[in-house]
Amino acid sequence: MYTFRQARTQADYEALYKLCYRAYCVERKWLPAKNYSDQTEKDIYDRSSTIFSSRTGSMRFPFIISSTPPSVAGKNEY
């Protein structure tokens, strides 16, 4: 069974950015770790996103739901 928790504080967000870094850059190597000197994986859209963490037993996973408004997304290239 999975449980979900929404990030609400800056500490919550930073913990999830670090978890994303570990998952995407270190473990999976989907992104180059050298591009993230602070060991947090985030981008310009994260300021407008609702971010959740999911957990099953002792394992925690980042689960990100983007809620980027069209006015923000339209100004930036992917």
N, C-alpha and C. Protein backbone atom coordinates (compact mmCIF):
# COMPACT_ATOMS: atom_id res chain seq x y z
N MET A 1 0.83 -1.17 0.00
CA MET A 1 0.00 0.00 0.00
C MET A 1 0.89 1.25 0.00
N TYR A 2 0.50 2.22 -0.79
CA TYR A 2 1.22 3.48 -0.87
C TYR A 2 0.49 4.55 -0.07
N THR A 3 1.25 5.43 0.54
CA THR A 3 0.69 6.62 1.16
C THR A 3 1.32 7.82 0.48
N PHE A 4 0.59 8.91 0.41
CA PHE A 4 1.05 10.11 -0.27
C PHE A 4 0.99 11.28 0.70
N ARG A 5 2.00 12.17 0.58
CA ARG A 5 2.06 13.35 1.43
C ARG A 5 2.48 14.54 0.57
N GLN A 6 1.73 15.61 0.66
CA GLN A 6 2.04 16.81 -0.11
C GLN A 6 3.13 17.62 0.59
N ALA A 7 4.09 18.09 -0.19
CA ALA A 7 5.11 19.00 0.34
C ALA A 7 4.44 20.33 0.66
N ARG A 8 4.67 20.82 1.87
CA ARG A 8 4.04 22.08 2.29
C ARG A 8 5.05 23.13 2.75
N THR A 9 6.18 22.69 3.26
CA THR A 9 7.18 23.63 3.76
C THR A 9 8.40 23.62 2.84
N GLN A 10 9.24 24.62 3.01
CA GLN A 10 10.47 24.67 2.21
C GLN A 10 11.33 23.44 2.51
N ALA A 11 11.34 22.99 3.76
CA ALA A 11 12.11 21.79 4.12
C ALA A 11 11.56 20.56 3.40
N ASP A 12 10.23 20.46 3.27
CA ASP A 12 9.62 19.35 2.52
C ASP A 12 10.09 19.36 1.07
N TYR A 13 10.03 20.55 0.45
CA TYR A 13 10.43 20.67 -0.95
C TYR A 13 11.91 20.31 -1.13
N GLU A 14 12.77 20.83 -0.27
CA GLU A 14 14.20 20.54 -0.38
C GLU A 14 14.48 19.05 -0.23
N ALA A 15 13.78 18.38 0.69
CA ALA A 15 13.97 16.94 0.87
C ALA A 15 13.58 16.19 -0.40
N LEU A 16 12.50 16.61 -1.05
CA LEU A 16 12.06 15.95 -2.28
C LEU A 16 13.00 16.26 -3.45
N TYR A 17 13.53 17.48 -3.53
CA TYR A 17 14.50 17.80 -4.58
C TYR A 17 15.76 16.94 -4.42
N LYS A 18 16.17 16.71 -3.19
CA LYS A 18 17.34 15.84 -2.93
C LYS A 18 17.02 14.40 -3.30
N LEU A 19 15.80 13.97 -3.00
CA LEU A 19 15.39 12.61 -3.36
C LEU A 19 15.36 12.45 -4.88
N CYS A 20 14.85 13.45 -5.59
CA CYS A 20 14.85 13.40 -7.05
C CYS A 20 16.27 13.34 -7.60
N TYR A 21 17.16 14.13 -7.03
CA TYR A 21 18.56 14.09 -7.46
C TYR A 21 19.12 12.69 -7.30
N ARG A 22 18.90 12.11 -6.13
CA ARG A 22 19.44 10.77 -5.88
C ARG A 22 18.87 9.74 -6.86
N ALA A 23 17.55 9.83 -7.10
CA ALA A 23 16.91 8.87 -7.99
C ALA A 23 17.30 9.09 -9.45
N TYR A 24 17.23 10.33 -9.93
CA TYR A 24 17.42 10.60 -11.35
C TYR A 24 18.88 10.72 -11.77
N CYS A 25 19.73 11.25 -10.88
CA CYS A 25 21.13 11.50 -11.24
C CYS A 25 22.08 10.41 -10.76
N VAL A 26 21.87 9.93 -9.55
CA VAL A 26 22.82 8.98 -8.97
C VAL A 26 22.44 7.54 -9.29
N GLU A 27 21.20 7.17 -8.97
CA GLU A 27 20.81 5.78 -9.13
C GLU A 27 20.49 5.41 -10.58
N ARG A 28 19.63 6.18 -11.24
CA ARG A 28 19.22 5.87 -12.61
C ARG A 28 20.12 6.46 -13.68
N LYS A 29 20.83 7.52 -13.32
CA LYS A 29 21.73 8.21 -14.25
C LYS A 29 20.99 8.75 -15.49
N TRP A 30 19.75 9.17 -15.29
CA TRP A 30 18.98 9.76 -16.37
C TRP A 30 19.43 11.19 -16.64
N LEU A 31 19.95 11.86 -15.61
CA LEU A 31 20.43 13.23 -15.72
C LEU A 31 21.88 13.27 -15.24
N PRO A 32 22.71 14.14 -15.82
CA PRO A 32 24.11 14.21 -15.39
C PRO A 32 24.25 14.89 -14.02
N ALA A 33 24.77 14.18 -13.06
CA ALA A 33 24.93 14.69 -11.69
C ALA A 33 25.78 15.96 -11.66
N LYS A 34 26.72 16.09 -12.57
CA LYS A 34 27.61 17.26 -12.58
C LYS A 34 26.84 18.57 -12.80
N ASN A 35 25.62 18.49 -13.35
CA ASN A 35 24.81 19.69 -13.59
C ASN A 35 24.06 20.16 -12.35
N TYR A 36 24.19 19.43 -11.24
CA TYR A 36 23.43 19.73 -10.02
C TYR A 36 24.39 19.81 -8.84
N SER A 37 25.15 20.91 -8.77
CA SER A 37 26.19 21.04 -7.75
C SER A 37 25.64 21.06 -6.33
N ASP A 38 24.39 21.48 -6.17
CA ASP A 38 23.80 21.50 -4.82
C ASP A 38 23.09 20.18 -4.49
N GLN A 39 23.20 19.21 -5.38
CA GLN A 39 22.62 17.87 -5.21
C GLN A 39 21.11 17.92 -4.97
N THR A 40 20.46 18.86 -5.67
CA THR A 40 18.99 18.91 -5.71
C THR A 40 18.59 19.00 -7.17
N GLU A 41 17.60 18.21 -7.56
CA GLU A 41 17.13 18.21 -8.95
C GLU A 41 15.82 18.97 -8.98
N LYS A 42 15.86 20.15 -9.60
CA LYS A 42 14.67 20.98 -9.74
C LYS A 42 14.83 21.84 -10.97
N ASP A 43 13.71 22.39 -11.45
CA ASP A 43 13.78 23.27 -12.62
C ASP A 43 12.83 24.45 -12.44
N ILE A 44 12.72 25.26 -13.46
CA ILE A 44 11.93 26.50 -13.36
C ILE A 44 10.45 26.23 -13.12
N TYR A 45 9.97 25.06 -13.46
CA TYR A 45 8.55 24.76 -13.29
C TYR A 45 8.20 24.33 -11.88
N ASP A 46 9.18 23.94 -11.09
CA ASP A 46 8.89 23.44 -9.75
C ASP A 46 8.28 24.50 -8.84
N ARG A 47 8.57 25.77 -9.07
CA ARG A 47 7.96 26.83 -8.26
C ARG A 47 6.45 26.87 -8.41
N SER A 48 5.94 26.36 -9.53
CA SER A 48 4.51 26.37 -9.80
C SER A 48 3.89 24.98 -9.71
N SER A 49 4.62 24.03 -9.18
CA SER A 49 4.15 22.65 -9.13
C SER A 49 3.74 22.25 -7.72
N THR A 50 2.78 21.36 -7.68
CA THR A 50 2.42 20.71 -6.43
C THR A 50 3.21 19.41 -6.39
N ILE A 51 3.93 19.18 -5.30
CA ILE A 51 4.82 18.02 -5.23
C ILE A 51 4.41 17.12 -4.07
N PHE A 52 4.34 15.84 -4.36
CA PHE A 52 3.99 14.84 -3.37
C PHE A 52 5.13 13.84 -3.23
N SER A 53 5.23 13.25 -2.07
CA SER A 53 6.11 12.08 -1.92
C SER A 53 5.20 10.89 -1.68
N SER A 54 5.62 9.76 -2.17
CA SER A 54 4.87 8.53 -1.93
C SER A 54 5.75 7.58 -1.15
N ARG A 55 5.13 6.75 -0.37
CA ARG A 55 5.87 5.85 0.50
C ARG A 55 5.18 4.50 0.54
N THR A 56 6.00 3.47 0.53
CA THR A 56 5.50 2.12 0.76
C THR A 56 6.46 1.48 1.75
N GLY A 57 5.99 1.15 2.91
CA GLY A 57 6.88 0.62 3.94
C GLY A 57 7.95 1.64 4.27
N SER A 58 9.21 1.24 4.19
CA SER A 58 10.31 2.15 4.50
C SER A 58 10.85 2.85 3.26
N MET A 59 10.30 2.58 2.09
CA MET A 59 10.79 3.18 0.85
C MET A 59 9.98 4.43 0.50
N ARG A 60 10.68 5.50 0.09
CA ARG A 60 10.04 6.75 -0.28
C ARG A 60 10.39 7.09 -1.71
N PHE A 61 9.42 7.56 -2.48
CA PHE A 61 9.61 7.88 -3.89
C PHE A 61 9.08 9.28 -4.18
N PRO A 62 9.75 10.05 -5.05
CA PRO A 62 9.18 11.33 -5.45
C PRO A 62 8.03 11.10 -6.42
N PHE A 63 7.00 11.85 -6.27
CA PHE A 63 5.85 11.78 -7.16
C PHE A 63 5.47 13.22 -7.42
N ILE A 64 5.67 13.69 -8.62
CA ILE A 64 5.49 15.11 -8.90
C ILE A 64 4.30 15.32 -9.81
N ILE A 65 3.43 16.21 -9.37
CA ILE A 65 2.29 16.61 -10.18
C ILE A 65 2.53 18.07 -10.56
N SER A 66 2.60 18.32 -11.83
CA SER A 66 2.83 19.69 -12.29
C SER A 66 1.51 20.42 -12.42
N SER A 67 1.48 21.58 -11.82
CA SER A 67 0.31 22.44 -11.94
C SER A 67 0.73 23.79 -12.51
N THR A 68 1.62 23.76 -13.48
CA THR A 68 2.17 24.97 -14.06
C THR A 68 1.10 25.71 -14.86
N PRO A 69 0.80 26.94 -14.50
CA PRO A 69 -0.19 27.71 -15.25
C PRO A 69 0.26 27.93 -16.69
N PRO A 70 -0.67 27.95 -17.64
CA PRO A 70 -0.31 28.16 -19.05
C PRO A 70 0.49 29.45 -19.26
N SER A 71 0.23 30.50 -18.48
CA SER A 71 0.95 31.75 -18.66
C SER A 71 2.44 31.60 -18.34
N VAL A 72 2.77 30.69 -17.43
CA VAL A 72 4.18 30.43 -17.11
C VAL A 72 4.78 29.48 -18.14
N ALA A 73 4.07 28.42 -18.45
CA ALA A 73 4.58 27.42 -19.39
C ALA A 73 4.77 28.00 -20.77
N GLY A 74 3.91 28.91 -21.17
CA GLY A 74 4.01 29.50 -22.50
C GLY A 74 5.20 30.41 -22.69
N LYS A 75 5.80 30.88 -21.61
CA LYS A 75 6.95 31.79 -21.69
C LYS A 75 8.28 31.06 -21.74
N ASN A 76 8.25 29.76 -21.53
CA ASN A 76 9.50 29.00 -21.46
C ASN A 76 9.50 27.86 -22.45
N GLU A 77 10.64 27.55 -22.96
CA GLU A 77 10.80 26.41 -23.86
C GLU A 77 11.12 25.18 -23.04
N TYR A 78 10.66 24.02 -23.46
CA TYR A 78 10.99 22.78 -22.76
C TYR A 78 12.33 22.30 -23.16
